[in-house]
Amino acid sequence: MQNVVGQNISNIHQSASVQGAVDIEAVRGLLAAFRADVDRNAADLQNATVLRAMADTVDTSLATSDAPQVGTLRGIAQALPALVVGTAVQQGGEALANAIGGLLS
């Protein structure tokens, strides 16, 4: 990649932040997709059991009364990207973490 003045640039990472509020149903949709990805790729995932447990915790938290368990969800949103980096479920895991973050903001 080159910048405007012609200098080579490497190791550039792009990210996007969640804009506006995310509703619980959007998080549930991403959670279902993430679970399906984990199940489909379980044989190749070192942390499949942990990822399933995190998904179960998110699901339980979202189902708890009208207010999700903020501390638990925040911890999962922070830990999940590190657990999925470089795996077949990275995209879904990061999307879920971002959505959880958006839900809590």
N, C-alpha and C. Protein backbone atom coordinates (compact mmCIF):
# COMPACT_ATOMS: atom_id res chain seq x y z
N MET A 1 0.84 -1.16 0.00
CA MET A 1 0.00 0.00 0.00
C MET A 1 0.90 1.24 0.00
N GLN A 2 0.49 2.26 -0.70
CA GLN A 2 1.24 3.51 -0.71
C GLN A 2 0.33 4.64 -0.23
N ASN A 3 0.94 5.60 0.46
CA ASN A 3 0.15 6.77 0.85
C ASN A 3 0.21 7.80 -0.27
N VAL A 4 -0.35 8.95 -0.05
CA VAL A 4 -0.49 9.97 -1.08
C VAL A 4 0.86 10.46 -1.61
N VAL A 5 1.87 10.51 -0.79
CA VAL A 5 3.16 11.01 -1.25
C VAL A 5 4.07 9.90 -1.76
N GLY A 6 3.58 8.71 -1.92
CA GLY A 6 4.32 7.63 -2.53
C GLY A 6 5.15 6.79 -1.58
N GLN A 7 5.02 7.00 -0.29
CA GLN A 7 5.77 6.18 0.67
C GLN A 7 5.05 4.86 0.87
N ASN A 8 5.82 3.78 0.96
CA ASN A 8 5.24 2.47 1.22
C ASN A 8 4.77 2.39 2.66
N ILE A 9 3.65 1.80 2.85
CA ILE A 9 3.08 1.64 4.18
C ILE A 9 2.78 0.15 4.36
N SER A 10 3.14 -0.40 5.51
CA SER A 10 2.83 -1.79 5.79
C SER A 10 2.25 -1.91 7.18
N ASN A 11 1.70 -3.08 7.45
CA ASN A 11 1.10 -3.38 8.75
C ASN A 11 0.00 -2.40 9.12
N ILE A 12 -0.87 -2.12 8.18
CA ILE A 12 -2.00 -1.23 8.42
C ILE A 12 -3.20 -2.08 8.76
N HIS A 13 -3.87 -1.71 9.80
CA HIS A 13 -5.07 -2.42 10.23
C HIS A 13 -6.23 -1.45 10.23
N GLN A 14 -7.35 -1.91 9.74
CA GLN A 14 -8.53 -1.07 9.68
C GLN A 14 -9.56 -1.62 10.65
N SER A 15 -10.23 -0.73 11.32
CA SER A 15 -11.31 -1.16 12.21
C SER A 15 -12.44 -0.16 12.12
N ALA A 16 -13.58 -0.60 12.58
CA ALA A 16 -14.75 0.27 12.59
C ALA A 16 -15.40 0.19 13.95
N SER A 17 -15.90 1.29 14.39
CA SER A 17 -16.60 1.27 15.67
C SER A 17 -18.09 1.20 15.42
N VAL A 18 -18.80 0.71 16.39
CA VAL A 18 -20.25 0.61 16.29
C VAL A 18 -20.83 1.99 16.50
N GLN A 19 -21.65 2.44 15.58
CA GLN A 19 -22.26 3.75 15.67
C GLN A 19 -23.71 3.57 16.10
N GLY A 20 -24.10 4.25 17.14
CA GLY A 20 -25.47 4.17 17.60
C GLY A 20 -25.71 2.92 18.43
N ALA A 21 -26.91 2.80 18.87
CA ALA A 21 -27.27 1.67 19.74
C ALA A 21 -27.49 0.41 18.92
N VAL A 22 -27.14 -0.71 19.50
CA VAL A 22 -27.38 -2.02 18.91
C VAL A 22 -28.47 -2.68 19.75
N ASP A 23 -29.46 -3.26 19.09
CA ASP A 23 -30.52 -3.89 19.88
C ASP A 23 -30.19 -5.35 20.19
N ILE A 24 -30.88 -5.88 21.16
CA ILE A 24 -30.63 -7.24 21.63
C ILE A 24 -30.86 -8.26 20.52
N GLU A 25 -31.85 -8.02 19.68
CA GLU A 25 -32.14 -8.98 18.60
C GLU A 25 -30.98 -9.07 17.61
N ALA A 26 -30.31 -7.95 17.35
CA ALA A 26 -29.15 -7.97 16.45
C ALA A 26 -28.03 -8.80 17.08
N VAL A 27 -27.83 -8.64 18.38
CA VAL A 27 -26.81 -9.42 19.08
C VAL A 27 -27.18 -10.90 19.05
N ARG A 28 -28.43 -11.21 19.26
CA ARG A 28 -28.87 -12.61 19.22
C ARG A 28 -28.65 -13.23 17.84
N GLY A 29 -28.88 -12.45 16.78
CA GLY A 29 -28.64 -12.95 15.43
C GLY A 29 -27.17 -13.26 15.20
N LEU A 30 -26.29 -12.35 15.64
CA LEU A 30 -24.86 -12.59 15.51
C LEU A 30 -24.42 -13.75 16.39
N LEU A 31 -25.03 -13.88 17.55
CA LEU A 31 -24.71 -14.98 18.45
C LEU A 31 -25.06 -16.32 17.80
N ALA A 32 -26.22 -16.40 17.18
CA ALA A 32 -26.62 -17.65 16.50
C ALA A 32 -25.65 -17.99 15.36
N ALA A 33 -25.26 -16.99 14.60
CA ALA A 33 -24.30 -17.22 13.50
C ALA A 33 -22.95 -17.65 14.05
N PHE A 34 -22.51 -17.03 15.14
CA PHE A 34 -21.24 -17.38 15.75
C PHE A 34 -21.26 -18.81 16.27
N ARG A 35 -22.34 -19.19 16.93
CA ARG A 35 -22.46 -20.58 17.41
C ARG A 35 -22.38 -21.57 16.26
N ALA A 36 -23.06 -21.27 15.17
CA ALA A 36 -23.04 -22.16 14.01
C ALA A 36 -21.62 -22.28 13.46
N ASP A 37 -20.90 -21.14 13.41
CA ASP A 37 -19.50 -21.17 12.95
C ASP A 37 -18.63 -22.02 13.86
N VAL A 38 -18.82 -21.86 15.16
CA VAL A 38 -18.02 -22.63 16.12
C VAL A 38 -18.32 -24.12 15.95
N ASP A 39 -19.59 -24.47 15.84
CA ASP A 39 -19.94 -25.88 15.67
C ASP A 39 -19.37 -26.45 14.37
N ARG A 40 -19.44 -25.68 13.31
CA ARG A 40 -18.95 -26.12 12.00
C ARG A 40 -17.42 -26.31 12.00
N ASN A 41 -16.73 -25.50 12.78
CA ASN A 41 -15.26 -25.51 12.78
C ASN A 41 -14.65 -26.07 14.07
N ALA A 42 -15.44 -26.72 14.88
CA ALA A 42 -15.00 -27.17 16.21
C ALA A 42 -13.73 -28.02 16.16
N ALA A 43 -13.62 -28.88 15.17
CA ALA A 43 -12.45 -29.77 15.10
C ALA A 43 -11.15 -29.00 14.93
N ASP A 44 -11.22 -27.82 14.34
CA ASP A 44 -10.02 -27.03 14.08
C ASP A 44 -9.79 -25.92 15.11
N LEU A 45 -10.67 -25.81 16.09
CA LEU A 45 -10.56 -24.74 17.09
C LEU A 45 -9.98 -25.27 18.39
N GLN A 46 -8.93 -24.63 18.84
CA GLN A 46 -8.33 -25.00 20.12
C GLN A 46 -9.25 -24.69 21.29
N ASN A 47 -10.00 -23.61 21.17
CA ASN A 47 -10.83 -23.12 22.28
C ASN A 47 -12.32 -23.33 22.04
N ALA A 48 -12.71 -24.35 21.31
CA ALA A 48 -14.12 -24.55 20.98
C ALA A 48 -14.99 -24.62 22.24
N THR A 49 -14.53 -25.31 23.26
CA THR A 49 -15.32 -25.43 24.49
C THR A 49 -15.49 -24.08 25.17
N VAL A 50 -14.42 -23.31 25.21
CA VAL A 50 -14.48 -21.97 25.82
C VAL A 50 -15.40 -21.07 25.01
N LEU A 51 -15.29 -21.12 23.70
CA LEU A 51 -16.14 -20.28 22.85
C LEU A 51 -17.61 -20.65 23.00
N ARG A 52 -17.90 -21.93 23.10
CA ARG A 52 -19.29 -22.35 23.34
C ARG A 52 -19.79 -21.85 24.69
N ALA A 53 -18.95 -21.95 25.70
CA ALA A 53 -19.34 -21.47 27.03
C ALA A 53 -19.59 -19.96 27.03
N MET A 54 -18.76 -19.23 26.31
CA MET A 54 -18.97 -17.78 26.21
C MET A 54 -20.29 -17.48 25.50
N ALA A 55 -20.57 -18.21 24.44
CA ALA A 55 -21.83 -18.02 23.71
C ALA A 55 -23.02 -18.32 24.62
N ASP A 56 -22.92 -19.39 25.40
CA ASP A 56 -24.00 -19.71 26.35
C ASP A 56 -24.18 -18.61 27.38
N THR A 57 -23.07 -18.04 27.86
CA THR A 57 -23.14 -16.97 28.85
C THR A 57 -23.79 -15.73 28.26
N VAL A 58 -23.44 -15.40 27.03
CA VAL A 58 -24.07 -14.25 26.37
C VAL A 58 -25.57 -14.50 26.23
N ASP A 59 -25.94 -15.68 25.79
CA ASP A 59 -27.34 -16.02 25.62
C ASP A 59 -28.10 -15.90 26.94
N THR A 60 -27.53 -16.44 28.00
CA THR A 60 -28.16 -16.39 29.32
C THR A 60 -28.30 -14.95 29.79
N SER A 61 -27.25 -14.17 29.59
CA SER A 61 -27.28 -12.78 30.02
C SER A 61 -28.33 -11.98 29.27
N LEU A 62 -28.46 -12.21 27.98
CA LEU A 62 -29.46 -11.50 27.20
C LEU A 62 -30.88 -11.88 27.60
N ALA A 63 -31.05 -13.08 28.10
CA ALA A 63 -32.38 -13.55 28.50
C ALA A 63 -32.75 -13.13 29.91
N THR A 64 -31.82 -12.58 30.67
CA THR A 64 -32.06 -12.20 32.06
C THR A 64 -32.83 -10.91 32.13
N SER A 65 -34.05 -10.99 32.57
CA SER A 65 -34.97 -9.86 32.74
C SER A 65 -34.86 -8.87 31.59
N ASP A 66 -34.97 -7.60 31.88
CA ASP A 66 -34.91 -6.58 30.85
C ASP A 66 -33.50 -6.01 30.68
N ALA A 67 -32.62 -6.26 31.63
CA ALA A 67 -31.28 -5.68 31.57
C ALA A 67 -30.23 -6.79 31.51
N PRO A 68 -29.44 -6.80 30.45
CA PRO A 68 -28.36 -7.80 30.37
C PRO A 68 -27.34 -7.59 31.48
N GLN A 69 -26.60 -8.62 31.79
CA GLN A 69 -25.56 -8.55 32.82
C GLN A 69 -24.36 -7.81 32.23
N VAL A 70 -24.28 -6.53 32.51
CA VAL A 70 -23.32 -5.65 31.86
C VAL A 70 -21.88 -6.08 32.09
N GLY A 71 -21.50 -6.37 33.31
CA GLY A 71 -20.12 -6.74 33.59
C GLY A 71 -19.70 -8.00 32.87
N THR A 72 -20.56 -8.98 32.88
CA THR A 72 -20.26 -10.24 32.20
C THR A 72 -20.12 -10.03 30.70
N LEU A 73 -21.06 -9.31 30.12
CA LEU A 73 -21.01 -9.06 28.68
C LEU A 73 -19.78 -8.23 28.29
N ARG A 74 -19.45 -7.25 29.10
CA ARG A 74 -18.27 -6.43 28.81
C ARG A 74 -17.00 -7.29 28.82
N GLY A 75 -16.89 -8.18 29.77
CA GLY A 75 -15.74 -9.08 29.84
C GLY A 75 -15.64 -9.97 28.63
N ILE A 76 -16.76 -10.49 28.17
CA ILE A 76 -16.76 -11.35 26.98
C ILE A 76 -16.40 -10.53 25.75
N ALA A 77 -16.95 -9.34 25.63
CA ALA A 77 -16.65 -8.49 24.48
C ALA A 77 -15.16 -8.15 24.41
N GLN A 78 -14.52 -8.04 25.56
CA GLN A 78 -13.09 -7.73 25.59
C GLN A 78 -12.24 -8.97 25.31
N ALA A 79 -12.65 -10.12 25.80
CA ALA A 79 -11.85 -11.34 25.67
C ALA A 79 -12.03 -12.07 24.34
N LEU A 80 -13.21 -11.99 23.79
CA LEU A 80 -13.54 -12.78 22.59
C LEU A 80 -12.61 -12.53 21.40
N PRO A 81 -12.30 -11.29 21.05
CA PRO A 81 -11.41 -11.10 19.88
C PRO A 81 -10.06 -11.80 20.01
N ALA A 82 -9.49 -11.83 21.19
CA ALA A 82 -8.20 -12.49 21.38
C ALA A 82 -8.32 -14.01 21.23
N LEU A 83 -9.46 -14.56 21.58
CA LEU A 83 -9.66 -16.00 21.49
C LEU A 83 -9.91 -16.48 20.05
N VAL A 84 -10.41 -15.60 19.21
CA VAL A 84 -10.75 -16.02 17.85
C VAL A 84 -9.74 -15.57 16.80
N VAL A 85 -8.76 -14.76 17.19
CA VAL A 85 -7.80 -14.23 16.22
C VAL A 85 -7.09 -15.39 15.49
N GLY A 86 -7.05 -15.28 14.18
CA GLY A 86 -6.38 -16.28 13.37
C GLY A 86 -7.14 -17.59 13.19
N THR A 87 -8.40 -17.61 13.56
CA THR A 87 -9.19 -18.84 13.43
C THR A 87 -10.27 -18.65 12.36
N ALA A 88 -10.94 -19.73 12.04
CA ALA A 88 -12.02 -19.69 11.06
C ALA A 88 -13.23 -18.92 11.56
N VAL A 89 -13.29 -18.67 12.85
CA VAL A 89 -14.44 -17.96 13.43
C VAL A 89 -14.09 -16.53 13.83
N GLN A 90 -12.96 -16.03 13.35
CA GLN A 90 -12.52 -14.69 13.74
C GLN A 90 -13.53 -13.62 13.36
N GLN A 91 -14.00 -13.63 12.14
CA GLN A 91 -14.91 -12.59 11.68
C GLN A 91 -16.19 -12.58 12.51
N GLY A 92 -16.78 -13.74 12.73
CA GLY A 92 -18.01 -13.82 13.51
C GLY A 92 -17.79 -13.44 14.97
N GLY A 93 -16.66 -13.86 15.53
CA GLY A 93 -16.36 -13.53 16.91
C GLY A 93 -16.15 -12.05 17.12
N GLU A 94 -15.45 -11.42 16.20
CA GLU A 94 -15.22 -9.98 16.30
C GLU A 94 -16.52 -9.21 16.09
N ALA A 95 -17.34 -9.66 15.17
CA ALA A 95 -18.64 -9.01 14.94
C ALA A 95 -19.50 -9.11 16.19
N LEU A 96 -19.51 -10.27 16.83
CA LEU A 96 -20.28 -10.46 18.05
C LEU A 96 -19.75 -9.56 19.15
N ALA A 97 -18.44 -9.51 19.32
CA ALA A 97 -17.84 -8.65 20.35
C ALA A 97 -18.18 -7.19 20.12
N ASN A 98 -18.11 -6.74 18.86
CA ASN A 98 -18.46 -5.35 18.54
C ASN A 98 -19.92 -5.06 18.82
N ALA A 99 -20.80 -6.01 18.49
CA ALA A 99 -22.22 -5.82 18.73
C ALA A 99 -22.52 -5.75 20.24
N ILE A 100 -21.87 -6.60 21.01
CA ILE A 100 -22.04 -6.56 22.46
C ILE A 100 -21.59 -5.20 22.99
N GLY A 101 -20.44 -4.74 22.50
CA GLY A 101 -19.95 -3.42 22.89
C GLY A 101 -20.95 -2.33 22.55
N GLY A 102 -21.54 -2.41 21.37
CA GLY A 102 -22.55 -1.45 20.96
C GLY A 102 -23.81 -1.52 21.80
N LEU A 103 -24.17 -2.71 22.22
CA LEU A 103 -25.33 -2.89 23.08
C LEU A 103 -25.11 -2.23 24.44
N LEU A 104 -23.88 -2.28 24.91
CA LEU A 104 -23.57 -1.75 26.24
C LEU A 104 -23.31 -0.24 26.23
N SER A 105 -23.14 0.33 25.04
CA SER A 105 -22.83 1.77 25.01
C SER A 105 -24.08 2.63 25.02
